[in-house]
PDB file of all heavy atoms in Angstrom:
ATOM      1  N   VAL A   1      -2.516  24.912 -12.705  1.00  0.00           N
ATOM      2  CA  VAL A   1      -3.900  25.069 -13.161  1.00  0.00           C
ATOM      3  C   VAL A   1      -4.332  26.527 -13.057  1.00  0.00           C
ATOM      4  O   VAL A   1      -4.907  27.102 -13.988  1.00  0.00           O
ATOM      5  CB  VAL A   1      -4.851  24.172 -12.345  1.00  0.00           C
ATOM      6  CG1 VAL A   1      -6.309  24.495 -12.669  1.00  0.00           C
ATOM      7  CG2 VAL A   1      -4.578  22.700 -12.631  1.00  0.00           C
ATOM      8  N   SER A   2      -4.035  27.137 -11.911  1.00  0.00           N
ATOM      9  CA  SER A   2      -4.380  28.541 -11.703  1.00  0.00           C
ATOM     10  C   SER A   2      -3.639  29.444 -12.684  1.00  0.00           C
ATOM     11  O   SER A   2      -4.224  30.368 -13.272  1.00  0.00           O
ATOM     12  CB  SER A   2      -4.051  28.946 -10.264  1.00  0.00           C
ATOM     13  OG  SER A   2      -4.265  30.327 -10.055  1.00  0.00           O
ATOM     14  N   ILE A   3      -2.347  29.189 -12.871  1.00  0.00           N
ATOM     15  CA  ILE A   3      -1.537  29.983 -13.796  1.00  0.00           C
ATOM     16  C   ILE A   3      -2.087  29.897 -15.213  1.00  0.00           C
ATOM     17  O   ILE A   3      -2.220  30.906 -15.919  1.00  0.00           O
ATOM     18  CB  ILE A   3      -0.069  29.511 -13.763  1.00  0.00           C
ATOM     19  CG1 ILE A   3       0.580  29.888 -12.426  1.00  0.00           C
ATOM     20  CG2 ILE A   3       0.729  30.102 -14.925  1.00  0.00           C
ATOM     21  CD1 ILE A   3       1.907  29.206 -12.169  1.00  0.00           C
ATOM     22  N   ALA A   4      -2.427  28.680 -15.643  1.00  0.00           N
ATOM     23  CA  ALA A   4      -2.957  28.484 -16.997  1.00  0.00           C
ATOM     24  C   ALA A   4      -4.287  29.204 -17.173  1.00  0.00           C
ATOM     25  O   ALA A   4      -4.528  29.837 -18.209  1.00  0.00           O
ATOM     26  CB  ALA A   4      -3.120  26.999 -17.273  1.00  0.00           C
ATOM     27  N   TYR A   5      -5.132  29.122 -16.167  1.00  0.00           N
ATOM     28  CA  TYR A   5      -6.449  29.775 -16.276  1.00  0.00           C
ATOM     29  C   TYR A   5      -6.301  31.298 -16.331  1.00  0.00           C
ATOM     30  O   TYR A   5      -6.935  31.959 -17.167  1.00  0.00           O
ATOM     31  CB  TYR A   5      -7.336  29.376 -15.105  1.00  0.00           C
ATOM     32  CG  TYR A   5      -8.681  30.052 -15.131  1.00  0.00           C
ATOM     33  CD1 TYR A   5      -9.598  29.778 -16.149  1.00  0.00           C
ATOM     34  CD2 TYR A   5      -9.032  30.981 -14.154  1.00  0.00           C
ATOM     35  CE1 TYR A   5     -10.832  30.413 -16.186  1.00  0.00           C
ATOM     36  CE2 TYR A   5     -10.261  31.621 -14.192  1.00  0.00           C
ATOM     37  CZ  TYR A   5     -11.158  31.339 -15.205  1.00  0.00           C
ATOM     38  OH  TYR A   5     -12.378  31.975 -15.251  1.00  0.00           O
ATOM     39  N   GLN A   6      -5.468  31.851 -15.440  1.00  0.00           N
ATOM     40  CA  GLN A   6      -5.261  33.298 -15.448  1.00  0.00           C
ATOM     41  C   GLN A   6      -4.628  33.759 -16.757  1.00  0.00           C
ATOM     42  O   GLN A   6      -4.955  34.825 -17.280  1.00  0.00           O
ATOM     43  CB  GLN A   6      -4.398  33.713 -14.256  1.00  0.00           C
ATOM     44  CG  GLN A   6      -5.042  33.482 -12.896  1.00  0.00           C
ATOM     45  CD  GLN A   6      -6.343  34.234 -12.716  1.00  0.00           C
ATOM     46  OE1 GLN A   6      -6.522  35.337 -13.247  1.00  0.00           O
ATOM     47  NE2 GLN A   6      -7.273  33.648 -11.985  1.00  0.00           N
ATOM     48  N   ALA A   7      -3.727  32.936 -17.298  1.00  0.00           N
ATOM     49  CA  ALA A   7      -3.101  33.274 -18.577  1.00  0.00           C
ATOM     50  C   ALA A   7      -4.140  33.279 -19.698  1.00  0.00           C
ATOM     51  O   ALA A   7      -4.074  34.105 -20.613  1.00  0.00           O
ATOM     52  CB  ALA A   7      -1.988  32.285 -18.902  1.00  0.00           C
ATOM     53  N   SER A   8      -5.101  32.358 -19.625  1.00  0.00           N
ATOM     54  CA  SER A   8      -6.151  32.316 -20.655  1.00  0.00           C
ATOM     55  C   SER A   8      -7.010  33.570 -20.614  1.00  0.00           C
ATOM     56  O   SER A   8      -7.400  34.104 -21.663  1.00  0.00           O
ATOM     57  CB  SER A   8      -7.028  31.069 -20.465  1.00  0.00           C
ATOM     58  OG  SER A   8      -7.884  31.183 -19.346  1.00  0.00           O
ATOM     59  N   ILE A   9      -7.278  34.057 -19.402  1.00  0.00           N
ATOM     60  CA  ILE A   9      -8.055  35.293 -19.258  1.00  0.00           C
ATOM     61  C   ILE A   9      -7.277  36.475 -19.829  1.00  0.00           C
ATOM     62  O   ILE A   9      -7.823  37.319 -20.554  1.00  0.00           O
ATOM     63  CB  ILE A   9      -8.392  35.542 -17.777  1.00  0.00           C
ATOM     64  CG1 ILE A   9      -9.345  34.459 -17.265  1.00  0.00           C
ATOM     65  CG2 ILE A   9      -9.016  36.923 -17.591  1.00  0.00           C
ATOM     66  CD1 ILE A   9      -9.625  34.566 -15.781  1.00  0.00           C
ATOM     67  N   THR A  10      -5.991  36.532 -19.495  1.00  0.00           N
ATOM     68  CA  THR A  10      -5.136  37.607 -19.994  1.00  0.00           C
ATOM     69  C   THR A  10      -5.063  37.588 -21.514  1.00  0.00           C
ATOM     70  O   THR A  10      -5.158  38.638 -22.171  1.00  0.00           O
ATOM     71  CB  THR A  10      -3.715  37.477 -19.412  1.00  0.00           C
ATOM     72  OG1 THR A  10      -3.788  37.577 -17.984  1.00  0.00           O
ATOM     73  CG2 THR A  10      -2.794  38.558 -19.951  1.00  0.00           C
ATOM     74  N   HIS A  11      -4.898  36.396 -22.082  1.00  0.00           N
ATOM     75  CA  HIS A  11      -4.797  36.285 -23.536  1.00  0.00           C
ATOM     76  C   HIS A  11      -6.088  36.736 -24.214  1.00  0.00           C
ATOM     77  O   HIS A  11      -6.047  37.468 -25.210  1.00  0.00           O
ATOM     78  CB  HIS A  11      -4.471  34.846 -23.931  1.00  0.00           C
ATOM     79  CG  HIS A  11      -4.142  34.694 -25.380  1.00  0.00           C
ATOM     80  ND1 HIS A  11      -2.880  34.895 -25.882  1.00  0.00           N
ATOM     81  CD2 HIS A  11      -4.927  34.396 -26.462  1.00  0.00           C
ATOM     82  CE1 HIS A  11      -2.892  34.710 -27.199  1.00  0.00           C
ATOM     83  NE2 HIS A  11      -4.118  34.408 -27.563  1.00  0.00           N
ATOM     84  N   LYS A  12      -7.200  36.322 -23.677  1.00  0.00           N
ATOM     85  CA  LYS A  12      -8.493  36.724 -24.246  1.00  0.00           C
ATOM     86  C   LYS A  12      -8.656  38.240 -24.191  1.00  0.00           C
ATOM     87  O   LYS A  12      -9.126  38.866 -25.154  1.00  0.00           O
ATOM     88  CB  LYS A  12      -9.623  36.049 -23.465  1.00  0.00           C
ATOM     89  CG  LYS A  12     -11.034  36.452 -23.882  1.00  0.00           C
ATOM     90  CD  LYS A  12     -11.389  35.949 -25.259  1.00  0.00           C
ATOM     91  CE  LYS A  12     -12.832  36.247 -25.597  1.00  0.00           C
ATOM     92  NZ  LYS A  12     -13.210  35.783 -26.951  1.00  0.00           N
ATOM     93  N   MET A  13      -8.243  38.831 -23.090  1.00  0.00           N
ATOM     94  CA  MET A  13      -8.377  40.274 -22.903  1.00  0.00           C
ATOM     95  C   MET A  13      -7.479  41.062 -23.851  1.00  0.00           C
ATOM     96  O   MET A  13      -7.894  42.068 -24.430  1.00  0.00           O
ATOM     97  CB  MET A  13      -8.054  40.628 -21.458  1.00  0.00           C
ATOM     98  CG  MET A  13      -8.094  42.118 -21.138  1.00  0.00           C
ATOM     99  SD  MET A  13      -7.760  42.468 -19.396  1.00  0.00           S
ATOM    100  CE  MET A  13      -6.063  41.864 -19.250  1.00  0.00           C
ATOM    101  N   LEU A  14      -6.228  40.593 -24.025  1.00  0.00           N
ATOM    102  CA  LEU A  14      -5.272  41.346 -24.823  1.00  0.00           C
ATOM    103  C   LEU A  14      -5.323  41.029 -26.316  1.00  0.00           C
ATOM    104  O   LEU A  14      -5.096  41.907 -27.146  1.00  0.00           O
ATOM    105  CB  LEU A  14      -3.850  41.082 -24.306  1.00  0.00           C
ATOM    106  CG  LEU A  14      -3.562  41.522 -22.867  1.00  0.00           C
ATOM    107  CD1 LEU A  14      -2.126  41.188 -22.495  1.00  0.00           C
ATOM    108  CD2 LEU A  14      -3.825  43.013 -22.686  1.00  0.00           C
ATOM    109  N   ALA A  15      -5.607  39.773 -26.655  1.00  0.00           N
ATOM    110  CA  ALA A  15      -5.591  39.363 -28.068  1.00  0.00           C
ATOM    111  C   ALA A  15      -6.966  39.355 -28.700  1.00  0.00           C
ATOM    112  O   ALA A  15      -7.091  39.282 -29.924  1.00  0.00           O
ATOM    113  CB  ALA A  15      -4.961  37.979 -28.193  1.00  0.00           C
ATOM    114  N   ASN A  16      -8.008  39.405 -27.860  1.00  0.00           N
ATOM    115  CA  ASN A  16      -9.385  39.359 -28.359  1.00  0.00           C
ATOM    116  C   ASN A  16      -9.626  38.087 -29.186  1.00  0.00           C
ATOM    117  O   ASN A  16     -10.270  38.115 -30.230  1.00  0.00           O
ATOM    118  CB  ASN A  16      -9.700  40.605 -29.204  1.00  0.00           C
ATOM    119  CG  ASN A  16     -11.198  40.745 -29.477  1.00  0.00           C
ATOM    120  OD1 ASN A  16     -12.015  40.366 -28.635  1.00  0.00           O
ATOM    121  ND2 ASN A  16     -11.547  41.276 -30.635  1.00  0.00           N
ATOM    122  N   GLU A  17      -9.095  36.977 -28.689  1.00  0.00           N
ATOM    123  CA  GLU A  17      -9.295  35.691 -29.342  1.00  0.00           C
ATOM    124  C   GLU A  17      -9.343  34.596 -28.284  1.00  0.00           C
ATOM    125  O   GLU A  17      -8.786  34.752 -27.192  1.00  0.00           O
ATOM    126  CB  GLU A  17      -8.167  35.407 -30.336  1.00  0.00           C
ATOM    127  CG  GLU A  17      -6.783  35.333 -29.711  1.00  0.00           C
ATOM    128  CD  GLU A  17      -5.669  35.181 -30.735  1.00  0.00           C
ATOM    129  OE1 GLU A  17      -5.871  35.574 -31.902  1.00  0.00           O
ATOM    130  OE2 GLU A  17      -4.594  34.673 -30.355  1.00  0.00           O
ATOM    131  N   ASP A  18     -10.020  33.509 -28.589  1.00  0.00           N
ATOM    132  CA  ASP A  18     -10.136  32.407 -27.639  1.00  0.00           C
ATOM    133  C   ASP A  18      -8.780  31.747 -27.438  1.00  0.00           C
ATOM    134  O   ASP A  18      -8.103  31.393 -28.411  1.00  0.00           O
ATOM    135  CB  ASP A  18     -11.152  31.375 -28.124  1.00  0.00           C
ATOM    136  CG  ASP A  18     -12.575  31.914 -28.116  1.00  0.00           C
ATOM    137  OD1 ASP A  18     -12.860  32.791 -27.280  1.00  0.00           O
ATOM    138  OD2 ASP A  18     -13.387  31.458 -28.946  1.00  0.00           O
ATOM    139  N   PRO A  19      -8.381  31.544 -26.193  1.00  0.00           N
ATOM    140  CA  PRO A  19      -7.068  30.951 -25.925  1.00  0.00           C
ATOM    141  C   PRO A  19      -7.043  29.443 -26.161  1.00  0.00           C
ATOM    142  O   PRO A  19      -8.063  28.766 -26.048  1.00  0.00           O
ATOM    143  CB  PRO A  19      -6.848  31.260 -24.446  1.00  0.00           C
ATOM    144  CG  PRO A  19      -8.238  31.294 -23.878  1.00  0.00           C
ATOM    145  CD  PRO A  19      -9.100  31.897 -24.954  1.00  0.00           C
ATOM    146  N   LYS A  20      -5.860  28.947 -26.472  1.00  0.00           N
ATOM    147  CA  LYS A  20      -5.601  27.514 -26.563  1.00  0.00           C
ATOM    148  C   LYS A  20      -4.392  27.250 -25.675  1.00  0.00           C
ATOM    149  O   LYS A  20      -3.295  27.741 -25.948  1.00  0.00           O
ATOM    150  CB  LYS A  20      -5.320  27.096 -28.010  1.00  0.00           C
ATOM    151  CG  LYS A  20      -6.487  27.339 -28.957  1.00  0.00           C
ATOM    152  CD  LYS A  20      -6.111  26.989 -30.393  1.00  0.00           C
ATOM    153  CE  LYS A  20      -7.254  27.294 -31.353  1.00  0.00           C
ATOM    154  NZ  LYS A  20      -6.874  27.008 -32.763  1.00  0.00           N
ATOM    155  N   ILE A  21      -4.586  26.482 -24.627  1.00  0.00           N
ATOM    156  CA  ILE A  21      -3.566  26.294 -23.609  1.00  0.00           C
ATOM    157  C   ILE A  21      -2.684  25.086 -23.907  1.00  0.00           C
ATOM    158  O   ILE A  21      -3.183  23.993 -24.217  1.00  0.00           O
ATOM    159  CB  ILE A  21      -4.203  26.105 -22.220  1.00  0.00           C
ATOM    160  CG1 ILE A  21      -5.105  27.298 -21.874  1.00  0.00           C
ATOM    161  CG2 ILE A  21      -3.125  25.911 -21.154  1.00  0.00           C
ATOM    162  CD1 ILE A  21      -4.372  28.598 -21.724  1.00  0.00           C
ATOM    163  N   ALA A  22      -1.372  25.265 -23.788  1.00  0.00           N
ATOM    164  CA  ALA A  22      -0.414  24.170 -23.907  1.00  0.00           C
ATOM    165  C   ALA A  22       0.408  24.105 -22.629  1.00  0.00           C
ATOM    166  O   ALA A  22       1.058  25.089 -22.252  1.00  0.00           O
ATOM    167  CB  ALA A  22       0.498  24.379 -25.111  1.00  0.00           C
ATOM    168  N   PHE A  23       0.373  22.990 -21.935  1.00  0.00           N
ATOM    169  CA  PHE A  23       1.193  22.772 -20.750  1.00  0.00           C
ATOM    170  C   PHE A  23       2.533  22.203 -21.215  1.00  0.00           C
ATOM    171  O   PHE A  23       2.597  21.087 -21.733  1.00  0.00           O
ATOM    172  CB  PHE A  23       0.512  21.798 -19.794  1.00  0.00           C
ATOM    173  CG  PHE A  23      -0.678  22.371 -19.085  1.00  0.00           C
ATOM    174  CD1 PHE A  23      -1.926  22.389 -19.695  1.00  0.00           C
ATOM    175  CD2 PHE A  23      -0.553  22.903 -17.804  1.00  0.00           C
ATOM    176  CE1 PHE A  23      -3.037  22.913 -19.041  1.00  0.00           C
ATOM    177  CE2 PHE A  23      -1.653  23.438 -17.140  1.00  0.00           C
ATOM    178  CZ  PHE A  23      -2.900  23.444 -17.757  1.00  0.00           C
ATOM    179  N   LEU A  24       3.596  22.960 -21.031  1.00  0.00           N
ATOM    180  CA  LEU A  24       4.899  22.591 -21.593  1.00  0.00           C
ATOM    181  C   LEU A  24       5.819  21.960 -20.552  1.00  0.00           C
ATOM    182  O   LEU A  24       5.812  22.338 -19.385  1.00  0.00           O
ATOM    183  CB  LEU A  24       5.580  23.825 -22.183  1.00  0.00           C
ATOM    184  CG  LEU A  24       4.794  24.601 -23.252  1.00  0.00           C
ATOM    185  CD1 LEU A  24       5.601  25.803 -23.704  1.00  0.00           C
ATOM    186  CD2 LEU A  24       4.458  23.703 -24.428  1.00  0.00           C
ATOM    187  N   SER A  25       6.615  20.999 -21.003  1.00  0.00           N
ATOM    188  CA  SER A  25       7.668  20.414 -20.183  1.00  0.00           C
ATOM    189  C   SER A  25       8.761  19.922 -21.125  1.00  0.00           C
ATOM    190  O   SER A  25       8.653  20.060 -22.348  1.00  0.00           O
ATOM    191  CB  SER A  25       7.131  19.248 -19.339  1.00  0.00           C
ATOM    192  OG  SER A  25       6.892  18.108 -20.159  1.00  0.00           O
ATOM    193  N   PHE A  26       9.820  19.317 -20.566  1.00  0.00           N
ATOM    194  CA  PHE A  26      10.889  18.810 -21.419  1.00  0.00           C
ATOM    195  C   PHE A  26      10.552  17.429 -21.988  1.00  0.00           C
ATOM    196  O   PHE A  26      11.333  16.845 -22.725  1.00  0.00           O
ATOM    197  CB  PHE A  26      12.216  18.734 -20.652  1.00  0.00           C
ATOM    198  CG  PHE A  26      12.159  17.902 -19.401  1.00  0.00           C
ATOM    199  CD1 PHE A  26      12.278  16.526 -19.453  1.00  0.00           C
ATOM    200  CD2 PHE A  26      11.973  18.506 -18.165  1.00  0.00           C
ATOM    201  CE1 PHE A  26      12.226  15.758 -18.304  1.00  0.00           C
ATOM    202  CE2 PHE A  26      11.930  17.749 -17.006  1.00  0.00           C
ATOM    203  CZ  PHE A  26      12.049  16.374 -17.073  1.00  0.00           C
ATOM    204  N   SER A  27       9.360  16.909 -21.642  1.00  0.00           N
ATOM    205  CA  SER A  27       8.935  15.596 -22.136  1.00  0.00           C
ATOM    206  C   SER A  27       7.902  15.761 -23.245  1.00  0.00           C
ATOM    207  O   SER A  27       6.999  16.590 -23.145  1.00  0.00           O
ATOM    208  CB  SER A  27       8.334  14.781 -20.995  1.00  0.00           C
ATOM    209  OG  SER A  27       7.722  13.608 -21.471  1.00  0.00           O
ATOM    210  N   THR A  28       8.034  15.000 -24.296  1.00  0.00           N
ATOM    211  CA  THR A  28       7.079  15.036 -25.401  1.00  0.00           C
ATOM    212  C   THR A  28       6.062  13.913 -25.236  1.00  0.00           C
ATOM    213  O   THR A  28       6.393  12.739 -25.396  1.00  0.00           O
ATOM    214  CB  THR A  28       7.791  14.871 -26.756  1.00  0.00           C
ATOM    215  OG1 THR A  28       8.777  15.882 -26.879  1.00  0.00           O
ATOM    216  CG2 THR A  28       6.801  14.972 -27.907  1.00  0.00           C
ATOM    217  N   LYS A  29       4.843  14.287 -24.845  1.00  0.00           N
ATOM    218  CA  LYS A  29       3.755  13.325 -24.710  1.00  0.00           C
ATOM    219  C   LYS A  29       4.138  12.121 -23.841  1.00  0.00           C
ATOM    220  O   LYS A  29       3.925  10.960 -24.208  1.00  0.00           O
ATOM    221  CB  LYS A  29       3.292  12.860 -26.094  1.00  0.00           C
ATOM    222  CG  LYS A  29       2.527  13.911 -26.885  1.00  0.00           C
ATOM    223  CD  LYS A  29       1.193  14.224 -26.228  1.00  0.00           C
ATOM    224  CE  LYS A  29       0.368  15.179 -27.080  1.00  0.00           C
ATOM    225  NZ  LYS A  29      -0.934  15.491 -26.440  1.00  0.00           N
ATOM    226  N   GLY A  30       4.783  12.403 -22.696  1.00  0.00           N
ATOM    227  CA  GLY A  30       5.097  11.325 -21.766  1.00  0.00           C
ATOM    228  C   GLY A  30       6.324  10.526 -22.097  1.00  0.00           C
ATOM    229  O   GLY A  30       6.484   9.386 -21.626  1.00  0.00           O
ATOM    230  N   SER A  31       7.233  11.086 -22.879  1.00  0.00           N
ATOM    231  CA  SER A  31       8.437  10.344 -23.271  1.00  0.00           C
ATOM    232  C   SER A  31       9.428  10.184 -22.128  1.00  0.00           C
ATOM    233  O   SER A  31      10.313   9.338 -22.186  1.00  0.00           O
ATOM    234  CB  SER A  31       9.124  11.054 -24.445  1.00  0.00           C
ATOM    235  OG  SER A  31       9.544  12.351 -24.063  1.00  0.00           O
ATOM    236  N   ALA A  32       9.297  10.994 -21.070  1.00  0.00           N
ATOM    237  CA  ALA A  32      10.201  10.909 -19.925  1.00  0.00           C
ATOM    238  C   ALA A  32       9.410  10.666 -18.649  1.00  0.00           C
ATOM    239  O   ALA A  32       8.257  11.091 -18.519  1.00  0.00           O
ATOM    240  CB  ALA A  32      11.009  12.193 -19.798  1.00  0.00           C
TER     241      ALA A  32
END
Protein backbone atom coordinates (compact mmCIF):
# COMPACT_ATOMS: atom_id res chain seq x y z
CA VAL A 1 0.00 0.00 0.00
CA SER A 2 2.79 2.39 0.95
CA ILE A 3 4.82 1.51 -2.16
CA ALA A 4 1.81 2.07 -4.44
CA TYR A 5 0.99 5.41 -2.84
CA GLN A 6 4.58 6.69 -3.03
CA ALA A 7 4.77 5.52 -6.64
CA SER A 8 1.60 7.48 -7.43
CA ILE A 9 3.18 10.63 -5.99
CA THR A 10 6.34 10.06 -8.00
CA HIS A 11 4.38 9.47 -11.20
CA LYS A 12 2.33 12.62 -10.73
CA MET A 13 5.48 14.64 -10.09
CA LEU A 14 7.44 13.29 -13.07
CA ALA A 15 4.70 12.73 -15.66
CA ASN A 16 2.41 15.60 -14.70
CA GLU A 17 -0.60 13.30 -15.05
CA ASP A 18 -2.96 11.55 -12.65
CA PRO A 19 -1.70 8.06 -11.82
CA LYS A 20 -3.62 4.84 -12.33
CA ILE A 21 -2.37 2.09 -10.04
CA ALA A 22 -2.22 -1.60 -11.00
CA PHE A 23 -1.28 -4.17 -8.35
CA LEU A 24 0.45 -6.93 -10.31
CA SER A 25 0.90 -10.62 -9.55
CA PHE A 26 1.17 -13.89 -11.49
CA SER A 27 -2.60 -14.40 -10.99
CA THR A 28 -5.17 -12.89 -13.34
CA LYS A 29 -8.14 -11.62 -11.34
CA GLY A 30 -7.87 -14.36 -8.71
CA SER A 31 -7.17 -17.26 -11.04
CA ALA A 32 -4.62 -18.71 -8.58
